[in-house]
Amino acid sequence: MPEVTIDWYVALSVILFSIGALGVLLRRNAIILFMSIEMMLNAANLAFVAFARHLGDLDGQVLVFFVITVAAAEVAVGLVLIVTIFRTKKSINIDEIHLMKG
């Protein structure tokens, strides 16, 4: 059975990051936008862990914990904003809420 090298992890990370970036650029739904950002953050986490394992150093894995913490805070604040905007505007389409008028 062939060994999985770091190239495979980096390739998967690039693919996941690209899908997330396309989701951010092409979609107008706020929830899909947040899911795409989370996918991009997880792609970066995969690269950090792969390089940390390859180099035999724990710094990349420690950095992943900080990224996960920031991502959790971002999701909590983002979902509160989405729910609040949905209650007032009755839509979570980014194009419809670009004006913050009451």
PDB file of N, CA and C in Angstrom:
ATOM      1  N   MET A   1       0.846  -1.182   0.000  1.00  0.00           N
ATOM      2  CA  MET A   1       0.000   0.000   0.000  1.00  0.00           C
ATOM      3  C   MET A   1       0.891   1.244   0.000  1.00  0.00           C
ATOM      4  N   PRO A   2       0.658   2.177  -0.926  1.00  0.00           N
ATOM      5  CA  PRO A   2       1.521   3.359  -0.998  1.00  0.00           C
ATOM      6  C   PRO A   2       1.290   4.298   0.190  1.00  0.00           C
ATOM      7  N   GLU A   3       2.359   4.980   0.554  1.00  0.00           N
ATOM      8  CA  GLU A   3       2.303   5.910   1.677  1.00  0.00           C
ATOM      9  C   GLU A   3       1.682   7.234   1.225  1.00  0.00           C
ATOM     10  N   VAL A   4       0.888   7.812   2.090  1.00  0.00           N
ATOM     11  CA  VAL A   4       0.284   9.113   1.798  1.00  0.00           C
ATOM     12  C   VAL A   4       1.295  10.187   2.201  1.00  0.00           C
ATOM     13  N   THR A   5       1.769  10.928   1.231  1.00  0.00           N
ATOM     14  CA  THR A   5       2.776  11.951   1.502  1.00  0.00           C
ATOM     15  C   THR A   5       2.111  13.291   1.791  1.00  0.00           C
ATOM     16  N   ILE A   6       2.932  14.259   2.135  1.00  0.00           N
ATOM     17  CA  ILE A   6       2.416  15.594   2.442  1.00  0.00           C
ATOM     18  C   ILE A   6       1.798  16.247   1.212  1.00  0.00           C
ATOM     19  N   ASP A   7       2.228  15.835   0.033  1.00  0.00           N
ATOM     20  CA  ASP A   7       1.664  16.398  -1.202  1.00  0.00           C
ATOM     21  C   ASP A   7       0.167  16.164  -1.297  1.00  0.00           C
ATOM     22  N   TRP A   8      -0.289  15.010  -0.848  1.00  0.00           N
ATOM     23  CA  TRP A   8      -1.719  14.702  -0.885  1.00  0.00           C
ATOM     24  C   TRP A   8      -2.499  15.618   0.058  1.00  0.00           C
ATOM     25  N   TYR A   9      -1.945  15.845   1.234  1.00  0.00           N
ATOM     26  CA  TYR A   9      -2.618  16.725   2.193  1.00  0.00           C
ATOM     27  C   TYR A   9      -2.666  18.163   1.686  1.00  0.00           C
ATOM     28  N   VAL A  10      -1.584  18.617   1.109  1.00  0.00           N
ATOM     29  CA  VAL A  10      -1.549  19.982   0.575  1.00  0.00           C
ATOM     30  C   VAL A  10      -2.505  20.112  -0.611  1.00  0.00           C
ATOM     31  N   ALA A  11      -2.560  19.106  -1.456  1.00  0.00           N
ATOM     32  CA  ALA A  11      -3.488  19.145  -2.594  1.00  0.00           C
ATOM     33  C   ALA A  11      -4.936  19.194  -2.115  1.00  0.00           C
ATOM     34  N   LEU A  12      -5.270  18.380  -1.115  1.00  0.00           N
ATOM     35  CA  LEU A  12      -6.626  18.399  -0.563  1.00  0.00           C
ATOM     36  C   LEU A  12      -6.924  19.748   0.075  1.00  0.00           C
ATOM     37  N   SER A  13      -5.940  20.309   0.754  1.00  0.00           N
ATOM     38  CA  SER A  13      -6.115  21.620   1.369  1.00  0.00           C
ATOM     39  C   SER A  13      -6.367  22.696   0.321  1.00  0.00           C
ATOM     40  N   VAL A  14      -5.637  22.648  -0.778  1.00  0.00           N
ATOM     41  CA  VAL A  14      -5.833  23.623  -1.863  1.00  0.00           C
ATOM     42  C   VAL A  14      -7.214  23.469  -2.486  1.00  0.00           C
ATOM     43  N   ILE A  15      -7.643  22.237  -2.678  1.00  0.00           N
ATOM     44  CA  ILE A  15      -8.968  21.989  -3.265  1.00  0.00           C
ATOM     45  C   ILE A  15     -10.063  22.519  -2.345  1.00  0.00           C
ATOM     46  N   LEU A  16      -9.967  22.220  -1.046  1.00  0.00           N
ATOM     47  CA  LEU A  16     -10.975  22.705  -0.094  1.00  0.00           C
ATOM     48  C   LEU A  16     -10.977  24.224  -0.010  1.00  0.00           C
ATOM     49  N   PHE A  17      -9.791  24.824  -0.004  1.00  0.00           N
ATOM     50  CA  PHE A  17      -9.717  26.281   0.051  1.00  0.00           C
ATOM     51  C   PHE A  17     -10.315  26.908  -1.204  1.00  0.00           C
ATOM     52  N   SER A  18     -10.070  26.306  -2.359  1.00  0.00           N
ATOM     53  CA  SER A  18     -10.625  26.827  -3.610  1.00  0.00           C
ATOM     54  C   SER A  18     -12.141  26.732  -3.643  1.00  0.00           C
ATOM     55  N   ILE A  19     -12.675  25.624  -3.169  1.00  0.00           N
ATOM     56  CA  ILE A  19     -14.134  25.479  -3.107  1.00  0.00           C
ATOM     57  C   ILE A  19     -14.725  26.526  -2.170  1.00  0.00           C
ATOM     58  N   GLY A  20     -14.080  26.743  -1.028  1.00  0.00           N
ATOM     59  CA  GLY A  20     -14.553  27.767  -0.095  1.00  0.00           C
ATOM     60  C   GLY A  20     -14.474  29.156  -0.684  1.00  0.00           C
ATOM     61  N   ALA A  21     -13.383  29.455  -1.376  1.00  0.00           N
ATOM     62  CA  ALA A  21     -13.240  30.778  -1.991  1.00  0.00           C
ATOM     63  C   ALA A  21     -14.291  31.000  -3.081  1.00  0.00           C
ATOM     64  N   LEU A  22     -14.558  29.971  -3.860  1.00  0.00           N
ATOM     65  CA  LEU A  22     -15.624  30.088  -4.871  1.00  0.00           C
ATOM     66  C   LEU A  22     -16.980  30.292  -4.216  1.00  0.00           C
ATOM     67  N   GLY A  23     -17.217  29.622  -3.104  1.00  0.00           N
ATOM     68  CA  GLY A  23     -18.473  29.815  -2.384  1.00  0.00           C
ATOM     69  C   GLY A  23     -18.629  31.232  -1.873  1.00  0.00           C
ATOM     70  N   VAL A  24     -17.535  31.823  -1.390  1.00  0.00           N
ATOM     71  CA  VAL A  24     -17.590  33.206  -0.908  1.00  0.00           C
ATOM     72  C   VAL A  24     -17.827  34.167  -2.064  1.00  0.00           C
ATOM     73  N   LEU A  25     -17.187  33.910  -3.193  1.00  0.00           N
ATOM     74  CA  LEU A  25     -17.284  34.842  -4.316  1.00  0.00           C
ATOM     75  C   LEU A  25     -18.578  34.709  -5.108  1.00  0.00           C
ATOM     76  N   LEU A  26     -19.138  33.512  -5.184  1.00  0.00           N
ATOM     77  CA  LEU A  26     -20.273  33.288  -6.087  1.00  0.00           C
ATOM     78  C   LEU A  26     -21.632  33.249  -5.407  1.00  0.00           C
ATOM     79  N   ARG A  27     -21.696  32.920  -4.150  1.00  0.00           N
ATOM     80  CA  ARG A  27     -22.991  32.768  -3.482  1.00  0.00           C
ATOM     81  C   ARG A  27     -23.406  34.047  -2.782  1.00  0.00           C
ATOM     82  N   ARG A  28     -24.685  34.267  -2.674  1.00  0.00           N
ATOM     83  CA  ARG A  28     -25.216  35.466  -2.038  1.00  0.00           C
ATOM     84  C   ARG A  28     -25.973  35.154  -0.758  1.00  0.00           C
ATOM     85  N   ASN A  29     -26.068  33.901  -0.367  1.00  0.00           N
ATOM     86  CA  ASN A  29     -26.755  33.520   0.856  1.00  0.00           C
ATOM     87  C   ASN A  29     -25.772  33.640   2.015  1.00  0.00           C
ATOM     88  N   ALA A  30     -26.185  34.302   3.094  1.00  0.00           N
ATOM     89  CA  ALA A  30     -25.282  34.566   4.210  1.00  0.00           C
ATOM     90  C   ALA A  30     -24.836  33.279   4.905  1.00  0.00           C
ATOM     91  N   ILE A  31     -25.695  32.300   5.015  1.00  0.00           N
ATOM     92  CA  ILE A  31     -25.332  31.048   5.677  1.00  0.00           C
ATOM     93  C   ILE A  31     -24.320  30.281   4.831  1.00  0.00           C
ATOM     94  N   ILE A  32     -24.510  30.233   3.535  1.00  0.00           N
ATOM     95  CA  ILE A  32     -23.538  29.573   2.652  1.00  0.00           C
ATOM     96  C   ILE A  32     -22.214  30.336   2.668  1.00  0.00           C
ATOM     97  N   LEU A  33     -22.274  31.646   2.791  1.00  0.00           N
ATOM     98  CA  LEU A  33     -21.067  32.453   2.903  1.00  0.00           C
ATOM     99  C   LEU A  33     -20.271  32.063   4.146  1.00  0.00           C
ATOM    100  N   PHE A  34     -20.950  31.911   5.279  1.00  0.00           N
ATOM    101  CA  PHE A  34     -20.261  31.500   6.501  1.00  0.00           C
ATOM    102  C   PHE A  34     -19.736  30.070   6.400  1.00  0.00           C
ATOM    103  N   MET A  35     -20.486  29.195   5.765  1.00  0.00           N
ATOM    104  CA  MET A  35     -20.002  27.816   5.580  1.00  0.00           C
ATOM    105  C   MET A  35     -18.759  27.797   4.695  1.00  0.00           C
ATOM    106  N   SER A  36     -18.722  28.649   3.699  1.00  0.00           N
ATOM    107  CA  SER A  36     -17.550  28.718   2.816  1.00  0.00           C
ATOM    108  C   SER A  36     -16.332  29.249   3.559  1.00  0.00           C
ATOM    109  N   ILE A  37     -16.534  30.227   4.420  1.00  0.00           N
ATOM    110  CA  ILE A  37     -15.424  30.741   5.229  1.00  0.00           C
ATOM    111  C   ILE A  37     -14.908  29.656   6.163  1.00  0.00           C
ATOM    112  N   GLU A  38     -15.818  28.891   6.748  1.00  0.00           N
ATOM    113  CA  GLU A  38     -15.400  27.784   7.619  1.00  0.00           C
ATOM    114  C   GLU A  38     -14.616  26.733   6.833  1.00  0.00           C
ATOM    115  N   MET A  39     -15.020  26.478   5.600  1.00  0.00           N
ATOM    116  CA  MET A  39     -14.293  25.511   4.779  1.00  0.00           C
ATOM    117  C   MET A  39     -12.881  26.013   4.491  1.00  0.00           C
ATOM    118  N   MET A  40     -12.746  27.308   4.243  1.00  0.00           N
ATOM    119  CA  MET A  40     -11.425  27.875   4.004  1.00  0.00           C
ATOM    120  C   MET A  40     -10.555  27.781   5.259  1.00  0.00           C
ATOM    121  N   LEU A  41     -11.130  28.038   6.420  1.00  0.00           N
ATOM    122  CA  LEU A  41     -10.369  27.924   7.662  1.00  0.00           C
ATOM    123  C   LEU A  41      -9.952  26.481   7.934  1.00  0.00           C
ATOM    124  N   ASN A  42     -10.831  25.533   7.641  1.00  0.00           N
ATOM    125  CA  ASN A  42     -10.481  24.124   7.838  1.00  0.00           C
ATOM    126  C   ASN A  42      -9.425  23.660   6.838  1.00  0.00           C
ATOM    127  N   ALA A  43      -9.416  24.218   5.651  1.00  0.00           N
ATOM    128  CA  ALA A  43      -8.356  23.895   4.689  1.00  0.00           C
ATOM    129  C   ALA A  43      -7.011  24.387   5.206  1.00  0.00           C
ATOM    130  N   ALA A  44      -7.000  25.571   5.789  1.00  0.00           N
ATOM    131  CA  ALA A  44      -5.762  26.082   6.383  1.00  0.00           C
ATOM    132  C   ALA A  44      -5.334  25.216   7.562  1.00  0.00           C
ATOM    133  N   ASN A  45      -6.294  24.771   8.363  1.00  0.00           N
ATOM    134  CA  ASN A  45      -5.976  23.885   9.485  1.00  0.00           C
ATOM    135  C   ASN A  45      -5.357  22.579   9.002  1.00  0.00           C
ATOM    136  N   LEU A  46      -5.893  22.017   7.941  1.00  0.00           N
ATOM    137  CA  LEU A  46      -5.344  20.779   7.390  1.00  0.00           C
ATOM    138  C   LEU A  46      -3.905  20.986   6.945  1.00  0.00           C
ATOM    139  N   ALA A  47      -3.623  22.107   6.312  1.00  0.00           N
ATOM    140  CA  ALA A  47      -2.251  22.387   5.881  1.00  0.00           C
ATOM    141  C   ALA A  47      -1.328  22.568   7.083  1.00  0.00           C
ATOM    142  N   PHE A  48      -1.797  23.275   8.114  1.00  0.00           N
ATOM    143  CA  PHE A  48      -0.980  23.458   9.312  1.00  0.00           C
ATOM    144  C   PHE A  48      -0.630  22.122   9.959  1.00  0.00           C
ATOM    145  N   VAL A  49      -1.619  21.244  10.100  1.00  0.00           N
ATOM    146  CA  VAL A  49      -1.381  19.945  10.732  1.00  0.00           C
ATOM    147  C   VAL A  49      -0.474  19.084   9.865  1.00  0.00           C
ATOM    148  N   ALA A  50      -0.665  19.126   8.559  1.00  0.00           N
ATOM    149  CA  ALA A  50       0.175  18.320   7.668  1.00  0.00           C
ATOM    150  C   ALA A  50       1.638  18.761   7.742  1.00  0.00           C
ATOM    151  N   PHE A  51       1.863  20.069   7.725  1.00  0.00           N
ATOM    152  CA  PHE A  51       3.237  20.549   7.806  1.00  0.00           C
ATOM    153  C   PHE A  51       3.832  20.312   9.186  1.00  0.00           C
ATOM    154  N   ALA A  52       3.017  20.426  10.236  1.00  0.00           N
ATOM    155  CA  ALA A  52       3.526  20.153  11.576  1.00  0.00           C
ATOM    156  C   ALA A  52       3.938  18.687  11.710  1.00  0.00           C
ATOM    157  N   ARG A  53       3.151  17.798  11.142  1.00  0.00           N
ATOM    158  CA  ARG A  53       3.499  16.372  11.191  1.00  0.00           C
ATOM    159  C   ARG A  53       4.734  16.090  10.347  1.00  0.00           C
ATOM    160  N   HIS A  54       4.818  16.727   9.199  1.00  0.00           N
ATOM    161  CA  HIS A  54       5.961  16.515   8.317  1.00  0.00           C
ATOM    162  C   HIS A  54       7.268  17.015   8.948  1.00  0.00           C
ATOM    163  N   LEU A  55       7.196  18.154   9.637  1.00  0.00           N
ATOM    164  CA  LEU A  55       8.383  18.734  10.242  1.00  0.00           C
ATOM    165  C   LEU A  55       8.669  18.180  11.637  1.00  0.00           C
ATOM    166  N   GLY A  56       7.712  17.445  12.204  1.00  0.00           N
ATOM    167  CA  GLY A  56       7.895  16.905  13.548  1.00  0.00           C
ATOM    168  C   GLY A  56       7.836  17.966  14.629  1.00  0.00           C
ATOM    169  N   ASP A  57       7.086  19.020  14.382  1.00  0.00           N
ATOM    170  CA  ASP A  57       6.990  20.145  15.304  1.00  0.00           C
ATOM    171  C   ASP A  57       5.524  20.332  15.688  1.00  0.00           C
ATOM    172  N   LEU A  58       5.278  20.764  16.919  1.00  0.00           N
ATOM    173  CA  LEU A  58       3.901  20.932  17.381  1.00  0.00           C
ATOM    174  C   LEU A  58       3.361  22.346  17.169  1.00  0.00           C
ATOM    175  N   ASP A  59       4.167  23.252  16.655  1.00  0.00           N
ATOM    176  CA  ASP A  59       3.713  24.639  16.502  1.00  0.00           C
ATOM    177  C   ASP A  59       2.502  24.759  15.574  1.00  0.00           C
ATOM    178  N   GLY A  60       2.461  23.993  14.512  1.00  0.00           N
ATOM    179  CA  GLY A  60       1.321  24.032  13.598  1.00  0.00           C
ATOM    180  C   GLY A  60       0.041  23.546  14.250  1.00  0.00           C
ATOM    181  N   GLN A  61       0.161  22.529  15.088  1.00  0.00           N
ATOM    182  CA  GLN A  61      -1.023  22.010  15.769  1.00  0.00           C
ATOM    183  C   GLN A  61      -1.525  22.971  16.836  1.00  0.00           C
ATOM    184  N   VAL A  62      -0.620  23.679  17.490  1.00  0.00           N
ATOM    185  CA  VAL A  62      -1.019  24.696  18.459  1.00  0.00           C
ATOM    186  C   VAL A  62      -1.731  25.837  17.741  1.00  0.00           C
ATOM    187  N   LEU A  63      -1.231  26.211  16.585  1.00  0.00           N
ATOM    188  CA  LEU A  63      -1.862  27.270  15.804  1.00  0.00           C
ATOM    189  C   LEU A  63      -3.272  26.875  15.370  1.00  0.00           C
ATOM    190  N   VAL A  64      -3.479  25.591  15.102  1.00  0.00           N
ATOM    191  CA  VAL A  64      -4.811  25.108  14.715  1.00  0.00           C
ATOM    192  C   VAL A  64      -5.814  25.336  15.833  1.00  0.00           C
ATOM    193  N   PHE A  65      -5.405  25.157  17.086  1.00  0.00           N
ATOM    194  CA  PHE A  65      -6.324  25.406  18.197  1.00  0.00           C
ATOM    195  C   PHE A  65      -6.748  26.871  18.245  1.00  0.00           C
ATOM    196  N   PHE A  66      -5.822  27.783  17.959  1.00  0.00           N
ATOM    197  CA  PHE A  66      -6.185  29.193  17.919  1.00  0.00           C
ATOM    198  C   PHE A  66      -7.131  29.490  16.763  1.00  0.00           C
ATOM    199  N   VAL A  67      -6.903  28.889  15.613  1.00  0.00           N
ATOM    200  CA  VAL A  67      -7.783  29.099  14.456  1.00  0.00           C
ATOM    201  C   VAL A  67      -9.177  28.552  14.745  1.00  0.00           C
ATOM    202  N   ILE A  68      -9.263  27.393  15.386  1.00  0.00           N
ATOM    203  CA  ILE A  68     -10.565  26.820  15.733  1.00  0.00           C
ATOM    204  C   ILE A  68     -11.295  27.723  16.720  1.00  0.00           C
ATOM    205  N   THR A  69     -10.566  28.292  17.678  1.00  0.00           N
ATOM    206  CA  THR A  69     -11.181  29.197  18.651  1.00  0.00           C
ATOM    207  C   THR A  69     -11.727  30.446  17.969  1.00  0.00           C
ATOM    208  N   VAL A  70     -10.950  31.027  17.077  1.00  0.00           N
ATOM    209  CA  VAL A  70     -11.410  32.214  16.347  1.00  0.00           C
ATOM    210  C   VAL A  70     -12.595  31.868  15.453  1.00  0.00           C
ATOM    211  N   ALA A  71     -12.563  30.697  14.826  1.00  0.00           N
ATOM    212  CA  ALA A  71     -13.667  30.281  13.958  1.00  0.00           C
ATOM    213  C   ALA A  71     -14.952  30.082  14.762  1.00  0.00           C
ATOM    214  N   ALA A  72     -14.834  29.525  15.969  1.00  0.00           N
ATOM    215  CA  ALA A  72     -16.025  29.336  16.801  1.00  0.00           C
ATOM    216  C   ALA A  72     -16.617  30.678  17.219  1.00  0.00           C
ATOM    217  N   ALA A  73     -15.765  31.619  17.567  1.00  0.00           N
ATOM    218  CA  ALA A  73     -16.259  32.954  17.921  1.00  0.00           C
ATOM    219  C   ALA A  73     -16.889  33.635  16.711  1.00  0.00           C
ATOM    220  N   GLU A  74     -16.279  33.457  15.549  1.00  0.00           N
ATOM    221  CA  GLU A  74     -16.817  34.062  14.321  1.00  0.00           C
ATOM    222  C   GLU A  74     -18.190  33.491  13.990  1.00  0.00           C
ATOM    223  N   VAL A  75     -18.354  32.203  14.168  1.00  0.00           N
ATOM    224  CA  VAL A  75     -19.653  31.573  13.895  1.00  0.00           C
ATOM    225  C   VAL A  75     -20.701  32.061  14.876  1.00  0.00           C
ATOM    226  N   ALA A  76     -20.340  32.163  16.146  1.00  0.00           N
ATOM    227  CA  ALA A  76     -21.313  32.617  17.145  1.00  0.00           C
ATOM    228  C   ALA A  76     -21.788  34.033  16.848  1.00  0.00           C
ATOM    229  N   VAL A  77     -20.870  34.928  16.583  1.00  0.00           N
ATOM    230  CA  VAL A  77     -21.244  36.311  16.290  1.00  0.00           C
ATOM    231  C   VAL A  77     -21.970  36.402  14.951  1.00  0.00           C
ATOM    232  N   GLY A  78     -21.477  35.666  13.963  1.00  0.00           N
ATOM    233  CA  GLY A  78     -22.101  35.697  12.641  1.00  0.00           C
ATOM    234  C   GLY A  78     -23.527  35.185  12.642  1.00  0.00           C
ATOM    235  N   LEU A  79     -23.772  34.099  13.352  1.00  0.00           N
ATOM    236  CA  LEU A  79     -25.139  33.574  13.394  1.00  0.00           C
ATOM    237  C   LEU A  79     -26.090  34.500  14.136  1.00  0.00           C
ATOM    238  N   VAL A  80     -25.606  35.169  15.161  1.00  0.00           N
ATOM    239  CA  VAL A  80     -26.445  36.164  15.843  1.00  0.00           C
ATOM    240  C   VAL A  80     -26.798  37.293  14.882  1.00  0.00           C
ATOM    241  N   LEU A  81     -25.829  37.751  14.109  1.00  0.00           N
ATOM    242  CA  LEU A  81     -26.103  38.804  13.132  1.00  0.00           C
ATOM    243  C   LEU A  81     -27.080  38.336  12.054  1.00  0.00           C
ATOM    244  N   ILE A  82     -26.911  37.112  11.583  1.00  0.00           N
ATOM    245  CA  ILE A  82     -27.806  36.591  10.549  1.00  0.00           C
ATOM    246  C   ILE A  82     -29.230  36.477  11.070  1.00  0.00           C
ATOM    247  N   VAL A  83     -29.401  35.969  12.282  1.00  0.00           N
ATOM    248  CA  VAL A  83     -30.750  35.836  12.855  1.00  0.00           C
ATOM    249  C   VAL A  83     -31.374  37.212  13.058  1.00  0.00           C
ATOM    250  N   THR A  84     -30.594  38.170  13.536  1.00  0.00           N
ATOM    251  CA  THR A  84     -31.116  39.521  13.749  1.00  0.00           C
ATOM    252  C   THR A  84     -31.516  40.175  12.430  1.00  0.00           C
ATOM    253  N   ILE A  85     -30.680  40.034  11.423  1.00  0.00           N
ATOM    254  CA  ILE A  85     -31.009  40.607  10.109  1.00  0.00           C
ATOM    255  C   ILE A  85     -32.226  39.911   9.511  1.00  0.00           C
ATOM    256  N   PHE A  86     -32.333  38.591   9.674  1.00  0.00           N
ATOM    257  CA  PHE A  86     -33.489  37.876   9.140  1.00  0.00           C
ATOM    258  C   PHE A  86     -34.775  38.329   9.814  1.00  0.00           C
ATOM    259  N   ARG A  87     -34.725  38.601  11.106  1.00  0.00           N
ATOM    260  CA  ARG A  87     -35.928  39.055  11.811  1.00  0.00           C
ATOM    261  C   ARG A  87     -36.398  40.422  11.328  1.00  0.00           C
ATOM    262  N   THR A  88     -35.455  41.277  10.949  1.00  0.00           N
ATOM    263  CA  THR A  88     -35.857  42.616  10.517  1.00  0.00           C
ATOM    264  C   THR A  88     -36.132  42.686   9.017  1.00  0.00           C
ATOM    265  N   LYS A  89     -35.319  42.021   8.203  1.00  0.00           N
ATOM    266  CA  LYS A  89     -35.449  42.132   6.740  1.00  0.00           C
ATOM    267  C   LYS A  89     -36.215  40.985   6.095  1.00  0.00           C
ATOM    268  N   LYS A  90     -36.403  39.873   6.804  1.00  0.00           N
ATOM    269  CA  LYS A  90     -37.078  38.675   6.298  1.00  0.00           C
ATOM    270  C   LYS A  90     -36.338  38.052   5.118  1.00  0.00           C
ATOM    271  N   SER A  91     -35.020  38.279   5.066  1.00  0.00           N
ATOM    272  CA  SER A  91     -34.191  37.698   4.016  1.00  0.00           C
ATOM    273  C   SER A  91     -32.745  37.650   4.507  1.00  0.00           C
ATOM    274  N   ILE A  92     -32.001  36.631   4.036  1.00  0.00           N
ATOM    275  CA  ILE A  92     -30.576  36.576   4.362  1.00  0.00           C
ATOM    276  C   ILE A  92     -29.739  36.661   3.086  1.00  0.00           C
ATOM    277  N   ASN A  93     -30.340  37.167   2.032  1.00  0.00           N
ATOM    278  CA  ASN A  93     -29.622  37.383   0.783  1.00  0.00           C
ATOM    279  C   ASN A  93     -28.734  38.616   0.939  1.00  0.00           C
ATOM    280  N   ILE A  94     -27.459  38.470   0.659  1.00  0.00           N
ATOM    281  CA  ILE A  94     -26.491  39.551   0.852  1.00  0.00           C
ATOM    282  C   ILE A  94     -26.826  40.759  -0.019  1.00  0.00           C
ATOM    283  N   ASP A  95     -27.308  40.537  -1.235  1.00  0.00           N
ATOM    284  CA  ASP A  95     -27.616  41.648  -2.140  1.00  0.00           C
ATOM    285  C   ASP A  95     -28.787  42.485  -1.637  1.00  0.00           C
ATOM    286  N   GLU A  96     -29.702  41.868  -0.906  1.00  0.00           N
ATOM    287  CA  GLU A  96     -30.873  42.598  -0.424  1.00  0.00           C
ATOM    288  C   GLU A  96     -30.618  43.350   0.874  1.00  0.00           C
ATOM    289  N   ILE A  97     -29.556  43.009   1.583  1.00  0.00           N
ATOM    290  CA  ILE A  97     -29.316  43.665   2.877  1.00  0.00           C
ATOM    291  C   ILE A  97     -28.089  44.572   2.850  1.00  0.00           C
ATOM    292  N   HIS A  98     -27.627  44.950   1.669  1.00  0.00           N
ATOM    293  CA  HIS A  98     -26.440  45.806   1.612  1.00  0.00           C
ATOM    294  C   HIS A  98     -26.711  47.197   2.135  1.00  0.00           C
ATOM    295  N   LEU A  99     -27.948  47.625   2.144  1.00  0.00           N
ATOM    296  CA  LEU A  99     -28.304  48.899   2.746  1.00  0.00           C
ATOM    297  C   LEU A  99     -28.781  48.639   4.155  1.00  0.00           C
ATOM    298  N   MET A 100     -28.168  49.290   5.118  1.00  0.00           N
ATOM    299  CA  MET A 100     -28.508  49.038   6.509  1.00  0.00           C
ATOM    300  C   MET A 100     -29.558  50.029   7.010  1.00  0.00           C
ATOM    301  N   LYS A 101     -30.500  50.352   6.163  1.00  0.00           N
ATOM    302  CA  LYS A 101     -31.583  51.223   6.569  1.00  0.00           C
ATOM    303  C   LYS A 101     -32.610  50.426   7.350  1.00  0.00           C
ATOM    304  N   GLY A 102     -33.315  51.073   8.246  1.00  0.00           N
ATOM    305  CA  GLY A 102     -34.332  50.405   9.058  1.00  0.00           C
ATOM    306  C   GLY A 102     -35.570  50.252   8.299  1.00  0.00           C
TER     307      GLY A 102
END
